[in-house]
C-alpha atoms as a PDB file:
ATOM      1  CA  MET A   1     -39.347 -57.154  97.575  1.00  0.00           C
ATOM      2  CA  PRO A   2     -36.394 -54.511  97.740  1.00  0.00           C
ATOM      3  CA  LYS A   3     -35.378 -53.878 101.617  1.00  0.00           C
ATOM      4  CA  ARG A   4     -36.001 -50.664 102.199  1.00  0.00           C
ATOM      5  CA  ASP A   5     -39.185 -51.073 100.794  1.00  0.00           C
ATOM      6  CA  ALA A   6     -40.167 -54.857 102.925  1.00  0.00           C
ATOM      7  CA  THR A   7     -38.857 -52.733 106.040  1.00  0.00           C
ATOM      8  CA  MET A   8     -41.783 -50.015 105.620  1.00  0.00           C
ATOM      9  CA  PHE A   9     -44.202 -53.042 104.492  1.00  0.00           C
ATOM     10  CA  ARG A  10     -43.037 -54.074 108.370  1.00  0.00           C
ATOM     11  CA  HIS A  11     -43.086 -50.540 110.169  1.00  0.00           C
ATOM     12  CA  GLY A  12     -46.513 -50.561 108.710  1.00  0.00           C
ATOM     13  CA  LEU A  13     -48.390 -53.693 109.190  1.00  0.00           C
ATOM     14  CA  LEU A  14     -46.749 -52.908 112.969  1.00  0.00           C
ATOM     15  CA  LEU A  15     -48.889 -49.923 113.215  1.00  0.00           C
ATOM     16  CA  VAL A  16     -52.014 -50.915 111.759  1.00  0.00           C
ATOM     17  CA  VAL A  17     -51.765 -54.339 114.366  1.00  0.00           C
ATOM     18  CA  ALA A  18     -51.190 -50.987 116.417  1.00  0.00           C
ATOM     19  CA  ILE A  19     -54.744 -49.744 115.549  1.00  0.00           C
ATOM     20  CA  ALA A  20     -56.116 -52.917 115.585  1.00  0.00           C
ATOM     21  CA  CYS A  21     -54.725 -52.916 119.399  1.00  0.00           C
ATOM     22  CA  GLU A  22     -55.838 -49.771 120.692  1.00  0.00           C
ATOM     23  CA  THR A  23     -59.224 -49.669 119.014  1.00  0.00           C
ATOM     24  CA  ILE A  24     -60.208 -53.316 120.625  1.00  0.00           C
ATOM     25  CA  ALA A  25     -58.271 -52.298 124.323  1.00  0.00           C
ATOM     26  CA  THR A  26     -60.916 -48.896 123.680  1.00  0.00           C
ATOM     27  CA  LEU A  27     -64.222 -50.648 123.097  1.00  0.00           C
ATOM     28  CA  LEU A  28     -63.212 -53.251 125.599  1.00  0.00           C
ATOM     29  CA  LEU A  29     -62.775 -50.306 128.045  1.00  0.00           C
ATOM     30  CA  LYS A  30     -66.422 -49.415 127.042  1.00  0.00           C
ATOM     31  CA  ARG A  31     -67.517 -52.768 127.981  1.00  0.00           C
ATOM     32  CA  SER A  32     -66.073 -52.624 131.334  1.00  0.00           C
ATOM     33  CA  ASP A  33     -68.813 -50.754 132.921  1.00  0.00           C
ATOM     34  CA  GLY A  34     -65.883 -48.313 134.310  1.00  0.00           C
ATOM     35  CA  MET A  35     -63.242 -50.868 134.771  1.00  0.00           C
ATOM     36  CA  SER A  36     -66.225 -52.734 136.763  1.00  0.00           C
ATOM     37  CA  ARG A  37     -66.120 -56.455 135.255  1.00  0.00           C
ATOM     38  CA  LEU A  38     -62.898 -58.415 134.843  1.00  0.00           C
ATOM     39  CA  TRP A  39     -62.398 -59.815 131.672  1.00  0.00           C
ATOM     40  CA  PRO A  40     -63.497 -56.571 129.548  1.00  0.00           C
ATOM     41  CA  SER A  41     -60.780 -54.979 132.040  1.00  0.00           C
ATOM     42  CA  VAL A  42     -58.105 -57.276 131.634  1.00  0.00           C
ATOM     43  CA  GLY A  43     -58.703 -57.123 127.712  1.00  0.00           C
ATOM     44  CA  MET A  44     -58.662 -53.445 128.229  1.00  0.00           C
ATOM     45  CA  LEU A  45     -55.276 -53.529 129.751  1.00  0.00           C
ATOM     46  CA  VAL A  46     -53.551 -56.388 127.220  1.00  0.00           C
ATOM     47  CA  GLY A  47     -54.357 -54.842 124.689  1.00  0.00           C
ATOM     48  CA  TYR A  48     -53.569 -50.734 125.732  1.00  0.00           C
ATOM     49  CA  VAL A  49     -50.523 -52.662 126.559  1.00  0.00           C
ATOM     50  CA  ALA A  50     -49.992 -54.492 123.209  1.00  0.00           C
ATOM     51  CA  ALA A  51     -50.732 -51.081 121.122  1.00  0.00           C
ATOM     52  CA  LEU A  52     -48.045 -49.112 122.691  1.00  0.00           C
ATOM     53  CA  PHE A  53     -45.173 -51.728 122.584  1.00  0.00           C
ATOM     54  CA  LEU A  54     -46.115 -51.986 118.510  1.00  0.00           C
ATOM     55  CA  LEU A  55     -45.909 -48.291 118.195  1.00  0.00           C
ATOM     56  CA  SER A  56     -42.807 -48.028 120.146  1.00  0.00           C
ATOM     57  CA  LEU A  57     -41.666 -50.327 117.670  1.00  0.00           C
ATOM     58  CA  VAL A  58     -42.244 -48.451 114.504  1.00  0.00           C
ATOM     59  CA  LEU A  59     -40.878 -45.179 116.620  1.00  0.00           C
ATOM     60  CA  LYS A  60     -37.533 -46.658 116.593  1.00  0.00           C
ATOM     61  CA  SER A  61     -36.942 -45.913 113.005  1.00  0.00           C
ATOM     62  CA  LEU A  62     -40.349 -43.738 111.918  1.00  0.00           C
ATOM     63  CA  PRO A  63     -40.957 -39.813 112.550  1.00  0.00           C
ATOM     64  CA  VAL A  64     -43.409 -39.876 115.622  1.00  0.00           C
ATOM     65  CA  GLY A  65     -45.377 -36.889 113.978  1.00  0.00           C
ATOM     66  CA  PRO A  66     -46.620 -38.433 110.523  1.00  0.00           C
ATOM     67  CA  VAL A  67     -47.091 -41.500 112.747  1.00  0.00           C
ATOM     68  CA  TYR A  68     -48.755 -40.297 115.779  1.00  0.00           C
ATOM     69  CA  ALA A  69     -50.584 -38.589 114.023  1.00  0.00           C
ATOM     70  CA  VAL A  70     -51.225 -42.095 111.291  1.00  0.00           C
ATOM     71  CA  TRP A  71     -51.962 -43.996 114.596  1.00  0.00           C
ATOM     72  CA  SER A  72     -54.532 -41.092 115.998  1.00  0.00           C
ATOM     73  CA  GLY A  73     -56.082 -40.712 112.808  1.00  0.00           C
ATOM     74  CA  LEU A  74     -57.057 -43.997 111.902  1.00  0.00           C
ATOM     75  CA  GLY A  75     -58.267 -45.575 115.647  1.00  0.00           C
ATOM     76  CA  THR A  76     -60.411 -42.343 115.873  1.00  0.00           C
ATOM     77  CA  ALA A  77     -62.230 -43.839 112.469  1.00  0.00           C
ATOM     78  CA  LEU A  78     -61.903 -47.528 112.936  1.00  0.00           C
ATOM     79  CA  THR A  79     -63.535 -46.718 117.401  1.00  0.00           C
ATOM     80  CA  ALA A  80     -65.807 -44.437 115.591  1.00  0.00           C
ATOM     81  CA  LEU A  81     -67.603 -46.590 113.419  1.00  0.00           C
ATOM     82  CA  LEU A  82     -67.152 -50.056 115.479  1.00  0.00           C
ATOM     83  CA  GLY A  83     -69.191 -47.901 117.800  1.00  0.00           C
ATOM     84  CA  TYR A  84     -71.632 -47.610 115.975  1.00  0.00           C
ATOM     85  CA  ILE A  85     -71.302 -51.113 114.147  1.00  0.00           C
ATOM     86  CA  ALA A  86     -71.137 -52.841 117.967  1.00  0.00           C
ATOM     87  CA  PHE A  87     -72.818 -50.672 120.198  1.00  0.00           C
ATOM     88  CA  GLY A  88     -75.411 -48.665 118.184  1.00  0.00           C
ATOM     89  CA  ASP A  89     -73.275 -44.822 118.952  1.00  0.00           C
ATOM     90  CA  ARG A  90     -74.893 -42.322 116.856  1.00  0.00           C
ATOM     91  CA  LEU A  91     -72.341 -39.498 115.573  1.00  0.00           C
ATOM     92  CA  PRO A  92     -75.103 -36.873 113.743  1.00  0.00           C
ATOM     93  CA  PRO A  93     -73.776 -36.484 109.793  1.00  0.00           C
ATOM     94  CA  GLY A  94     -70.638 -33.559 110.184  1.00  0.00           C
ATOM     95  CA  ALA A  95     -69.419 -35.968 112.444  1.00  0.00           C
ATOM     96  CA  TRP A  96     -68.981 -38.763 109.700  1.00  0.00           C
ATOM     97  CA  VAL A  97     -67.701 -36.130 107.287  1.00  0.00           C
ATOM     98  CA  GLY A  98     -65.059 -35.037 109.759  1.00  0.00           C
ATOM     99  CA  VAL A  99     -63.959 -38.938 109.946  1.00  0.00           C
ATOM    100  CA  ALA A 100     -63.677 -39.420 106.501  1.00  0.00           C
ATOM    101  CA  LEU A 101     -61.663 -35.652 106.690  1.00  0.00           C
ATOM    102  CA  VAL A 102     -59.392 -37.290 109.247  1.00  0.00           C
ATOM    103  CA  CYS A 103     -58.930 -40.551 106.529  1.00  0.00           C
ATOM    104  CA  ALA A 104     -57.889 -38.456 104.012  1.00  0.00           C
ATOM    105  CA  GLY A 105     -55.585 -36.868 105.795  1.00  0.00           C
ATOM    106  CA  VAL A 106     -54.890 -40.354 107.610  1.00  0.00           C
ATOM    107  CA  VAL A 107     -53.783 -40.880 103.377  1.00  0.00           C
ATOM    108  CA  PHE A 108     -51.775 -37.895 102.740  1.00  0.00           C
ATOM    109  CA  LEU A 109     -50.014 -38.908 105.410  1.00  0.00           C
ATOM    110  CA  SER A 110     -49.087 -42.477 104.748  1.00  0.00           C
ATOM    111  CA  VAL A 111     -48.565 -41.376 100.838  1.00  0.00           C
ATOM    112  CA  TYR A 112     -45.542 -38.660 102.422  1.00  0.00           C
ATOM    113  CA  LEU A 113     -44.893 -40.875 105.223  1.00  0.00           C
ATOM    114  CA  PRO A 114     -40.035 -40.069 105.426  1.00  0.00           C
ATOM    115  CA  ARG A 115     -38.652 -43.336 103.876  1.00  0.00           C
ATOM    116  CA  THR A 116     -36.240 -45.156 105.888  1.00  0.00           C
ATOM    117  CA  ASP A 117     -32.855 -46.601 104.799  1.00  0.00           C
END
């Protein structure tokens, strides 16, 4: 794998892990019951710190606009899906269409994200 492709893969992997940490932290925030339960609150704080640290590593080499769009788009879609699975959160059909459009936008951003050299 050429160096540039390896770098993009590494940054993409870091971004995916950051999004996973942020999504888990958000689910733990709901589970913390207004931060009144210790362990979900601690897990939430650790998750957000890890997510922001990993995001900062990605932003050292990639532009903030597309990275943040991918971060927020995938985080939103994943949180909506896992909120439905874990908590039974219901969204109207139109909201799911919006989530699908966000995912489509993320795909376009990922395809056209500038390459690092």
